[in-house]
Amino acid sequence: MIEDILDRDAIAQAEAVAKGEVSATELTQAAIARIEAGEPALNAVTQRFFAEALAQAAADLPAGPFRGVPFLVKDFYCHMAGTPTTGSARLLAQNVIDHDSALMARYRQAGFVTLGKTNVPEMVTMGTTEPVWRGPTRNPWNTGHTPGGSSGGAAAAVAAGYVAVAHANDGAGSIRIPASCCGLFGLKPSRARITLGPDVGEAIGGITAEHVVSRSVRDSAAVLDATAGSLPGDPYVAPEPAESFLSSIATPRTGLRIGVTFDAPDGTKAALECRAAVEQAVETLRGLGHQVEEIALPFDGAAFRAALATFWPMTVTRGLSAIAAARGADPEVLVRELEPFNQHLFALGISRRAVDYLRDLVFFQGMARAMGQFFATQDIWLSPVLPFAPPRLGYFDAAAVGCDTAWSRVLDSFMFTAPANVTGLPSASVPMTVTAEGLPVGIQLTARLNDEATILNLAAQLETANPWVMPGRKF
């Protein structure tokens, strides 16, 4: 019975706890047993707080919507008091944080029981999860393939059934890429929907958004209800929604105007299985009464790729420079402790001028203006999430394929997802199909700024019309 409850989504798990079908302690114990059975084969959970979680479950938990539900936190940004935030970088192994982030406090208030932290690529710079220090996370659908990244540990853990929902964040696709690779729903909310406070303002250019990967659309909506909101001092503030995100999926909408693209904005061609997933979505959406037509995006895709290629390396340069300043160290000495790929990004970023950064931001703001006009006549942009199915582990390994090749592959992987980051738009990966090799492929829904409700509503329709499956015990 407890195994059955653990296989339900987070809302259903919370209902089972509330009804007395299972206690929070029993559910926590069952989730711990699953983690212990699945690790280290998947290597998704790199920090474990099992004793603390059991004590939390046995205590008087807050009466939030997810009271007693097991949970995992990504090892980046969402600080958890008394634990290290490492970003899977060995030089941050002792980076113990003395306070909760605002988001972590909201997860606690919602009633989640946090069991540990999940694996990420070093410095969260790519769409796979293969850090040298922590070791690679494997995809539960096929352990020879990547679960995506940078929230790859979170996605692998949810797909494997450790937990129903796990924290994730997204700077260029880091929620949506692993959601697609692992057959999950993954929503990147609008810029400022969830505060990064109190430690971070906009991070770098406002590209990063916090949320979760989940088995169901309704879980994502309900978690967003529990965690959305700003803090004093935030550089941006998203407006309050007209209704709760969970209630926004209650009544299916019809007649939505959906513009579809099959290839990436820069011209990168989508693999046949990714195109097929979008074609299946188009057929399904038309059957649901929506208007779908192929469109062209209103910005220069080649210029976008060029701007992202100069902008993204500065995420490493800024992060490492901040670490060095805190330690009174030279960043050009500390960089030697990073993996070859991040050394390469640091070298690219440190050579950029302030005017280059400002020029990229102005270009991204122009994209946002253009997409604002685009959504005057469209409700949704439909596209692939990735230009390829989940690749084998090692595909992005700079030590094996060379830094330039790895960087080009990483840029390819960002071409569908990163436009929503640089413009601040909400965007989600929705499970759609499985390849002949048994690997999941999602499709991407992107909406106008602050319109998560339309994405959630449409994704819920697809969830009903095209039920999703989990990989089972393939690991």
Protein backbone atom coordinates (compact mmCIF):
# COMPACT_ATOMS: atom_id res chain seq x y z
CA MET A 1 0.00 0.00 0.00
CA ILE A 2 2.75 2.47 0.88
CA GLU A 3 4.50 1.66 -2.42
CA ASP A 4 1.27 2.47 -4.24
CA ILE A 5 0.97 5.79 -2.43
CA LEU A 6 4.60 6.65 -3.23
CA ASP A 7 3.82 6.08 -6.92
CA ARG A 8 1.10 8.76 -6.81
CA ASP A 9 1.70 12.42 -7.52
CA ALA A 10 2.49 14.82 -4.67
CA ILE A 11 -1.07 16.10 -4.25
CA ALA A 12 -2.35 12.54 -3.91
CA GLN A 13 0.43 11.70 -1.44
CA ALA A 14 -0.53 14.70 0.70
CA GLU A 15 -4.16 13.61 0.59
CA ALA A 16 -3.18 10.13 1.77
CA VAL A 17 -1.27 11.61 4.71
CA ALA A 18 -4.19 13.91 5.57
CA LYS A 19 -6.66 11.01 5.50
CA GLY A 20 -4.45 8.84 7.70
CA GLU A 21 -3.85 6.23 4.99
CA VAL A 22 -0.14 6.61 5.68
CA SER A 23 1.88 8.66 8.12
CA ALA A 24 4.48 11.21 7.09
CA THR A 25 7.10 9.00 8.75
CA GLU A 26 6.01 5.90 6.83
CA LEU A 27 6.03 7.79 3.53
CA THR A 28 9.47 9.22 4.31
CA GLN A 29 10.79 5.77 5.16
CA ALA A 30 9.44 4.38 1.89
CA ALA A 31 11.07 7.18 -0.12
CA ILE A 32 14.38 6.61 1.67
CA ALA A 33 14.18 2.90 0.86
CA ARG A 34 13.64 3.72 -2.82
CA ILE A 35 16.64 6.03 -2.84
CA GLU A 36 18.82 3.41 -1.17
CA ALA A 37 17.65 0.80 -3.70
CA GLY A 38 18.24 3.04 -6.71
CA GLU A 39 21.57 4.51 -5.65
CA PRO A 40 24.35 4.46 -6.60
CA ALA A 41 23.14 3.06 -9.93
CA LEU A 42 21.52 6.38 -10.88
CA ASN A 43 23.69 8.69 -8.75
CA ALA A 44 20.91 11.26 -8.53
CA VAL A 45 21.09 12.11 -4.82
CA THR A 46 24.51 13.37 -3.78
CA GLN A 47 23.68 14.63 -0.28
CA ARG A 48 21.43 12.69 2.09
CA PHE A 49 19.62 14.08 5.14
CA PHE A 50 17.72 10.95 6.09
CA ALA A 51 17.96 11.25 9.88
CA GLU A 52 16.91 14.89 9.73
CA ALA A 53 14.04 14.04 7.37
CA LEU A 54 12.73 11.32 9.67
CA ALA A 55 12.89 13.70 12.62
CA GLN A 56 11.06 16.34 10.58
CA ALA A 57 8.38 13.86 9.50
CA ALA A 58 7.81 12.77 13.10
CA ALA A 59 7.50 16.35 14.33
CA ASP A 60 4.58 18.75 14.01
CA LEU A 61 4.81 19.57 10.31
CA PRO A 62 3.27 22.78 8.95
CA ALA A 63 -0.28 22.34 7.71
CA GLY A 64 0.68 23.20 4.12
CA PRO A 65 -0.68 21.67 0.93
CA PHE A 66 2.15 19.11 0.78
CA ARG A 67 2.30 18.14 4.43
CA GLY A 68 4.37 14.97 4.79
CA VAL A 69 5.37 14.63 1.12
CA PRO A 70 9.02 13.57 0.47
CA PHE A 71 11.07 16.11 -1.47
CA LEU A 72 14.56 16.73 -2.87
CA VAL A 73 16.41 20.02 -3.43
CA LYS A 74 18.81 20.74 -6.28
CA ASP A 75 22.37 21.47 -5.18
CA PHE A 76 22.32 25.01 -6.54
CA TYR A 77 20.77 28.34 -5.46
CA CYS A 78 18.07 26.99 -3.14
CA HIS A 79 20.08 27.18 0.09
CA MET A 80 19.21 24.87 2.96
CA ALA A 81 20.51 25.99 6.35
CA GLY A 82 23.38 23.90 7.71
CA THR A 83 24.11 22.11 4.42
CA PRO A 84 26.61 22.76 1.62
CA THR A 85 25.56 24.34 -1.65
CA THR A 86 28.27 23.06 -3.99
CA GLY A 87 27.06 23.18 -7.59
CA SER A 88 29.01 19.88 -7.85
CA ALA A 89 32.25 21.89 -7.80
CA ARG A 90 34.93 20.42 -5.54
CA LEU A 91 36.14 23.91 -4.59
CA LEU A 92 32.71 24.50 -2.95
CA ALA A 93 32.67 21.23 -0.97
CA GLN A 94 32.76 23.13 2.34
CA ASN A 95 30.36 25.90 1.29
CA VAL A 96 27.94 25.36 4.19
CA ILE A 97 25.12 27.91 4.21
CA ASP A 98 23.83 29.19 7.56
CA HIS A 99 20.31 30.09 6.42
CA ASP A 100 17.44 28.98 4.22
CA SER A 101 16.71 30.81 1.01
CA ALA A 102 13.22 32.26 0.82
CA LEU A 103 12.23 29.45 -1.53
CA MET A 104 13.49 26.77 0.86
CA ALA A 105 11.49 28.38 3.66
CA ARG A 106 8.40 28.22 1.44
CA TYR A 107 9.00 24.53 0.70
CA ARG A 108 9.17 23.87 4.44
CA GLN A 109 6.00 25.88 5.05
CA ALA A 110 4.25 23.89 2.34
CA GLY A 111 4.92 20.78 4.42
CA PHE A 112 7.54 19.06 2.25
CA VAL A 113 10.00 16.70 3.98
CA THR A 114 13.41 17.20 2.39
CA LEU A 115 15.48 14.02 2.06
CA GLY A 116 18.59 15.37 0.35
CA LYS A 117 20.14 17.27 -2.53
CA THR A 118 20.39 16.24 -6.16
CA ASN A 119 23.30 16.14 -8.58
CA VAL A 120 24.12 18.86 -11.11
CA PRO A 121 26.88 19.45 -13.67
CA GLU A 122 29.80 21.42 -12.26
CA MET A 123 28.80 25.11 -12.03
CA VAL A 124 25.46 24.17 -13.73
CA THR A 125 26.78 25.17 -17.15
CA MET A 126 25.40 22.46 -19.48
CA GLY A 127 22.38 20.35 -20.30
CA THR A 128 23.79 17.12 -18.91
CA THR A 129 24.71 16.01 -15.38
CA GLU A 130 28.18 14.50 -15.47
CA PRO A 131 30.38 16.30 -12.92
CA VAL A 132 33.84 14.81 -12.44
CA TRP A 133 33.70 15.24 -8.66
CA ARG A 134 30.23 13.82 -8.01
CA GLY A 135 30.15 11.46 -10.98
CA PRO A 136 27.48 11.20 -13.70
CA THR A 137 23.76 10.86 -13.06
CA ARG A 138 22.13 8.23 -15.27
CA ASN A 139 18.78 8.30 -17.00
CA PRO A 140 16.30 5.84 -15.42
CA TRP A 141 14.89 5.04 -18.87
CA ASN A 142 18.32 3.91 -20.12
CA THR A 143 21.33 4.25 -17.84
CA GLY A 144 23.76 4.70 -20.73
CA HIS A 145 22.14 8.04 -21.54
CA THR A 146 22.04 11.46 -19.92
CA PRO A 147 19.06 12.57 -17.81
CA GLY A 148 19.75 16.08 -19.10
CA GLY A 149 20.79 19.02 -16.99
CA SER A 150 21.47 21.01 -15.16
CA SER A 151 18.59 19.66 -13.01
CA GLY A 152 19.47 16.13 -14.09
CA GLY A 153 19.67 14.67 -10.60
CA ALA A 154 16.23 16.07 -9.78
CA ALA A 155 14.67 14.71 -12.98
CA ALA A 156 16.26 11.28 -12.60
CA ALA A 157 15.03 11.09 -9.00
CA VAL A 158 11.43 11.93 -9.95
CA ALA A 159 11.42 9.62 -12.98
CA ALA A 160 12.83 6.81 -10.82
CA GLY A 161 10.02 7.26 -8.31
CA TYR A 162 12.16 8.41 -5.39
CA VAL A 163 9.87 11.44 -5.00
CA ALA A 164 6.90 12.81 -6.93
CA VAL A 165 8.31 16.32 -7.29
CA ALA A 166 11.75 17.88 -6.84
CA HIS A 167 13.20 21.37 -6.83
CA ALA A 168 14.89 22.51 -10.04
CA ASN A 169 15.99 25.76 -11.65
CA ASP A 170 16.54 26.97 -15.18
CA GLY A 171 19.10 29.38 -16.66
CA ALA A 172 19.09 28.21 -20.28
CA GLY A 173 16.82 25.17 -20.20
CA SER A 174 17.83 23.43 -16.99
CA ILE A 175 14.26 22.51 -15.96
CA ARG A 176 12.90 21.76 -19.42
CA ILE A 177 15.86 19.79 -20.84
CA PRO A 178 15.95 17.16 -18.07
CA ALA A 179 12.15 17.05 -17.97
CA SER A 180 12.18 16.15 -21.66
CA CYS A 181 15.00 13.61 -21.23
CA CYS A 182 13.22 11.89 -18.31
CA GLY A 183 9.58 12.04 -19.41
CA LEU A 184 8.42 14.62 -16.86
CA PHE A 185 6.56 17.92 -16.80
CA GLY A 186 8.89 20.86 -16.24
CA LEU A 187 7.74 24.49 -16.12
CA LYS A 188 10.13 27.43 -16.13
CA PRO A 189 8.01 30.25 -14.70
CA SER A 190 8.12 33.86 -15.80
CA ARG A 191 10.97 36.05 -14.65
CA ALA A 192 10.49 37.06 -10.99
CA ARG A 193 7.56 34.70 -10.42
CA ILE A 194 9.59 33.10 -7.60
CA THR A 195 12.11 35.23 -5.73
CA LEU A 196 15.81 34.35 -5.73
CA GLY A 197 16.17 36.16 -2.41
CA PRO A 198 17.63 36.93 -0.07
CA ASP A 199 21.01 36.04 -1.58
CA VAL A 200 20.52 36.74 -5.28
CA GLY A 201 18.91 39.60 -7.16
CA GLU A 202 18.83 38.88 -10.87
CA ALA A 203 21.93 36.59 -10.85
CA ILE A 204 23.04 37.48 -14.40
CA GLY A 205 20.70 39.26 -16.76
CA GLY A 206 17.57 37.89 -15.09
CA ILE A 207 17.84 34.57 -16.94
CA THR A 208 17.36 32.20 -14.00
CA ALA A 209 14.02 30.92 -12.73
CA GLU A 210 13.22 28.55 -9.86
CA HIS A 211 10.59 25.82 -9.73
CA VAL A 212 10.27 22.01 -9.91
CA VAL A 213 10.11 18.96 -12.14
CA SER A 214 7.05 16.80 -11.54
CA ARG A 215 5.05 13.76 -12.63
CA SER A 216 1.85 15.77 -13.09
CA VAL A 217 0.80 19.20 -14.28
CA ARG A 218 -1.37 19.76 -11.23
CA ASP A 219 1.61 19.22 -8.90
CA SER A 220 3.58 21.88 -10.75
CA ALA A 221 0.65 24.29 -10.53
CA ALA A 222 0.08 23.65 -6.82
CA VAL A 223 3.76 24.02 -5.95
CA LEU A 224 3.83 27.29 -7.86
CA ASP A 225 0.87 28.49 -5.80
CA ALA A 226 2.79 27.63 -2.63
CA THR A 227 6.08 29.26 -3.61
CA ALA A 228 5.38 32.22 -5.93
CA GLY A 229 5.99 35.73 -4.74
CA SER A 230 8.62 38.42 -4.36
CA LEU A 231 10.76 39.78 -1.53
CA PRO A 232 11.63 43.40 -0.75
CA GLY A 233 14.60 44.40 -2.86
CA ASP A 234 13.89 42.08 -5.79
CA PRO A 235 14.90 43.77 -9.06
CA TYR A 236 11.69 42.60 -10.76
CA VAL A 237 8.24 41.68 -9.48
CA ALA A 238 5.76 39.47 -11.36
CA PRO A 239 2.11 40.53 -11.03
CA GLU A 240 -0.27 38.45 -8.93
CA PRO A 241 -2.17 35.91 -11.06
CA ALA A 242 -5.88 36.43 -11.60
CA GLU A 243 -6.59 33.03 -10.03
CA SER A 244 -4.58 30.26 -8.44
CA PHE A 245 -2.42 28.28 -10.83
CA LEU A 246 -4.09 25.06 -9.74
CA SER A 247 -7.57 26.42 -10.48
CA SER A 248 -6.37 27.62 -13.90
CA ILE A 249 -6.28 24.02 -15.17
CA ALA A 250 -9.79 23.10 -14.02
CA THR A 251 -11.63 24.05 -17.23
CA PRO A 252 -9.95 23.17 -20.56
CA ARG A 253 -9.64 26.13 -22.88
CA THR A 254 -10.37 25.81 -26.58
CA GLY A 255 -9.48 27.80 -29.66
CA LEU A 256 -5.97 28.74 -28.55
CA ARG A 257 -3.76 30.17 -31.29
CA ILE A 258 -0.61 28.09 -31.43
CA GLY A 259 2.37 28.88 -33.64
CA VAL A 260 4.72 25.97 -34.27
CA THR A 261 8.36 25.78 -35.34
CA PHE A 262 10.23 22.54 -36.00
CA ASP A 263 13.80 23.80 -36.25
CA ALA A 264 15.65 26.00 -33.78
CA PRO A 265 15.73 29.79 -34.20
CA ASP A 266 19.35 29.68 -35.38
CA GLY A 267 18.54 27.05 -38.01
CA THR A 268 19.72 24.01 -36.02
CA LYS A 269 17.74 21.09 -37.42
CA ALA A 270 15.70 18.96 -35.04
CA ALA A 271 16.27 15.21 -35.23
CA LEU A 272 13.46 13.17 -36.76
CA GLU A 273 12.22 11.86 -33.39
CA CYS A 274 12.02 15.41 -32.00
CA ARG A 275 10.16 16.63 -35.06
CA ALA A 276 7.84 13.62 -34.80
CA ALA A 277 7.02 14.52 -31.19
CA VAL A 278 5.99 18.03 -32.27
CA GLU A 279 3.96 16.64 -35.17
CA GLN A 280 2.14 14.36 -32.74
CA ALA A 281 1.46 17.36 -30.49
CA VAL A 282 0.11 19.34 -33.45
CA GLU A 283 -2.31 16.55 -34.36
CA THR A 284 -3.42 16.18 -30.75
CA LEU A 285 -3.90 19.91 -30.24
CA ARG A 286 -5.95 20.28 -33.41
CA GLY A 287 -8.10 17.41 -32.21
CA LEU A 288 -8.64 19.33 -28.98
CA GLY A 289 -10.00 22.31 -30.91
CA HIS A 290 -6.95 24.56 -31.09
CA GLN A 291 -5.66 26.51 -34.09
CA VAL A 292 -2.13 25.42 -35.00
CA GLU A 293 -0.06 26.88 -37.82
CA GLU A 294 3.62 26.91 -38.70
CA ILE A 295 5.14 30.34 -38.07
CA ALA A 296 8.45 32.19 -38.18
CA LEU A 297 9.87 33.69 -35.00
CA PRO A 298 10.26 37.49 -34.96
CA PHE A 299 13.98 37.69 -34.15
CA ASP A 300 17.30 36.92 -35.79
CA GLY A 301 18.17 33.40 -34.67
CA ALA A 302 21.79 33.52 -35.81
CA ALA A 303 22.31 36.77 -33.92
CA PHE A 304 20.69 35.18 -30.87
CA ARG A 305 23.13 32.28 -30.96
CA ALA A 306 26.05 34.69 -31.31
CA ALA A 307 24.83 36.79 -28.37
CA LEU A 308 24.30 33.72 -26.18
CA ALA A 309 27.77 32.47 -27.10
CA THR A 310 29.32 35.64 -25.66
CA PHE A 311 26.89 35.95 -22.75
CA TRP A 312 26.75 32.42 -21.30
CA PRO A 313 30.48 32.05 -20.48
CA MET A 314 30.16 35.02 -18.13
CA THR A 315 27.99 32.88 -15.84
CA VAL A 316 31.18 31.01 -14.93
CA THR A 317 33.34 34.13 -14.86
CA ARG A 318 30.93 35.93 -12.54
CA GLY A 319 30.47 32.95 -10.25
CA LEU A 320 34.14 32.16 -9.93
CA SER A 321 35.03 35.83 -9.46
CA ALA A 322 32.52 36.05 -6.59
CA ILE A 323 34.02 32.95 -4.94
CA ALA A 324 37.52 34.35 -5.35
CA ALA A 325 36.53 37.72 -3.88
CA ALA A 326 34.97 36.01 -0.84
CA ARG A 327 38.20 34.09 -0.27
CA GLY A 328 40.61 36.86 -1.13
CA ALA A 329 41.94 34.69 -3.94
CA ASP A 330 42.81 35.15 -7.61
CA PRO A 331 40.06 33.74 -9.87
CA GLU A 332 42.67 32.87 -12.50
CA VAL A 333 44.27 30.59 -9.92
CA LEU A 334 41.00 29.10 -8.63
CA VAL A 335 39.87 28.26 -12.16
CA ARG A 336 42.50 25.51 -12.27
CA GLU A 337 40.28 23.54 -9.88
CA LEU A 338 37.44 23.44 -12.42
CA GLU A 339 36.79 20.92 -15.17
CA PRO A 340 38.17 21.63 -18.68
CA PHE A 341 34.81 22.81 -20.02
CA ASN A 342 34.37 25.41 -17.28
CA GLN A 343 37.99 26.49 -17.61
CA HIS A 344 37.18 27.08 -21.28
CA LEU A 345 34.07 29.11 -20.45
CA PHE A 346 35.97 31.13 -17.86
CA ALA A 347 38.66 31.97 -20.44
CA LEU A 348 35.98 33.09 -22.90
CA GLY A 349 34.12 35.11 -20.28
CA ILE A 350 37.12 36.86 -18.74
CA SER A 351 38.03 38.27 -22.16
CA ARG A 352 34.64 39.95 -22.63
CA ARG A 353 34.25 43.65 -22.02
CA ALA A 354 31.49 45.30 -20.03
CA VAL A 355 30.20 46.78 -23.27
CA ASP A 356 29.84 43.24 -24.69
CA TYR A 357 27.65 42.26 -21.75
CA LEU A 358 25.50 45.36 -22.14
CA ARG A 359 25.21 44.81 -25.89
CA ASP A 360 23.96 41.26 -25.30
CA LEU A 361 21.41 42.47 -22.76
CA VAL A 362 20.11 45.09 -25.19
CA PHE A 363 19.80 42.41 -27.87
CA PHE A 364 17.88 40.13 -25.49
CA GLN A 365 15.60 43.01 -24.55
CA GLY A 366 14.92 43.54 -28.25
CA MET A 367 13.98 39.86 -28.48
CA ALA A 368 11.59 40.34 -25.57
CA ARG A 369 9.94 43.28 -27.35
CA ALA A 370 9.60 41.21 -30.54
CA MET A 371 8.13 38.25 -28.68
CA GLY A 372 5.71 40.60 -26.95
CA GLN A 373 4.39 41.56 -30.38
CA PHE A 374 4.39 37.90 -31.45
CA PHE A 375 2.07 37.02 -28.56
CA ALA A 376 -0.36 39.71 -29.63
CA THR A 377 -1.47 37.24 -32.35
CA GLN A 378 -0.41 33.89 -30.82
CA ASP A 379 -1.15 32.34 -27.44
CA ILE A 380 1.55 29.66 -27.52
CA TRP A 381 4.83 28.98 -29.30
CA LEU A 382 5.13 25.19 -29.79
CA SER A 383 8.54 23.66 -30.53
CA PRO A 384 10.89 20.82 -29.66
CA VAL A 385 12.73 21.10 -26.34
CA LEU A 386 16.00 19.71 -27.69
CA PRO A 387 17.24 19.22 -31.25
CA PHE A 388 18.10 15.60 -30.41
CA ALA A 389 16.91 12.72 -28.21
CA PRO A 390 18.76 12.22 -24.90
CA PRO A 391 22.35 11.54 -25.98
CA ARG A 392 24.67 8.96 -24.51
CA LEU A 393 26.73 9.93 -21.50
CA GLY A 394 29.97 11.57 -22.67
CA TYR A 395 28.44 13.45 -25.59
CA PHE A 396 29.31 16.80 -23.97
CA ASP A 397 32.62 15.65 -22.39
CA ALA A 398 35.13 18.39 -23.22
CA ALA A 399 38.06 16.23 -22.08
CA ALA A 400 37.06 13.60 -24.67
CA VAL A 401 35.71 15.61 -27.62
CA GLY A 402 37.52 18.93 -27.12
CA CYS A 403 36.30 22.17 -25.60
CA ASP A 404 35.21 23.78 -28.87
CA THR A 405 33.14 20.77 -29.90
CA ALA A 406 31.59 20.45 -26.44
CA TRP A 407 30.73 24.16 -26.41
CA SER A 408 29.12 23.94 -29.86
CA ARG A 409 27.03 20.96 -28.72
CA VAL A 410 25.96 22.79 -25.56
CA LEU A 411 24.89 25.80 -27.62
CA ASP A 412 22.92 23.49 -29.93
CA SER A 413 21.12 22.07 -26.89
CA PHE A 414 20.11 25.56 -25.70
CA MET A 415 18.68 26.88 -28.97
CA PHE A 416 15.03 26.02 -28.32
CA THR A 417 15.03 26.66 -24.57
CA ALA A 418 17.24 29.70 -23.93
CA PRO A 419 15.04 32.24 -25.78
CA ALA A 420 12.56 32.01 -22.88
CA ASN A 421 15.34 32.65 -20.37
CA VAL A 422 16.74 35.76 -21.99
CA THR A 423 13.24 37.20 -22.58
CA GLY A 424 11.80 36.12 -19.21
CA LEU A 425 8.91 34.19 -20.78
CA PRO A 426 7.25 31.16 -19.12
CA SER A 427 8.01 27.91 -20.90
CA ALA A 428 7.48 24.21 -20.22
CA SER A 429 8.48 20.77 -21.40
CA VAL A 430 5.55 18.37 -21.77
CA PRO A 431 6.10 14.60 -22.24
CA MET A 432 4.97 13.51 -25.68
CA THR A 433 6.53 10.32 -27.01
CA VAL A 434 9.20 7.66 -26.60
CA THR A 435 11.83 6.88 -29.25
CA ALA A 436 12.44 3.47 -30.78
CA GLU A 437 15.35 3.18 -28.33
CA GLY A 438 12.96 3.70 -25.41
CA LEU A 439 13.95 7.27 -24.52
CA PRO A 440 11.38 10.00 -23.80
CA VAL A 441 11.04 13.13 -25.91
CA GLY A 442 9.08 16.19 -24.80
CA ILE A 443 7.66 19.18 -26.61
CA GLN A 444 7.95 22.80 -25.49
CA LEU A 445 5.13 25.27 -24.84
CA THR A 446 6.11 28.95 -24.43
CA ALA A 447 3.62 31.72 -23.61
CA ARG A 448 3.47 35.48 -23.19
CA LEU A 449 5.06 37.01 -20.11
CA ASN A 450 3.29 36.12 -16.84
CA ASP A 451 0.90 33.72 -18.56
CA GLU A 452 1.85 30.45 -16.90
CA ALA A 453 -1.89 29.72 -16.65
CA THR A 454 -2.26 29.12 -20.38
CA ILE A 455 0.72 26.76 -20.45
CA LEU A 456 -0.57 24.82 -17.45
CA ASN A 457 -4.07 24.58 -18.92
CA LEU A 458 -2.83 23.35 -22.30
CA ALA A 459 -0.32 20.96 -20.74
CA ALA A 460 -3.09 19.47 -18.60
CA GLN A 461 -5.12 18.87 -21.75
CA LEU A 462 -2.17 17.07 -23.35
CA GLU A 463 -1.64 15.07 -20.17
CA THR A 464 -5.23 13.80 -20.40
CA ALA A 465 -5.19 13.21 -24.16
CA ASN A 466 -1.74 11.59 -24.16
CA PRO A 467 -1.21 9.92 -20.74
CA TRP A 468 2.37 9.82 -19.54
CA VAL A 469 4.25 6.80 -18.27
CA MET A 470 7.24 6.34 -15.97
CA PRO A 471 10.19 4.13 -16.91
CA GLY A 472 9.60 1.47 -14.26
CA ARG A 473 12.56 -0.29 -12.65
CA LYS A 474 15.04 -0.27 -15.55
CA PHE A 475 18.03 0.58 -13.40
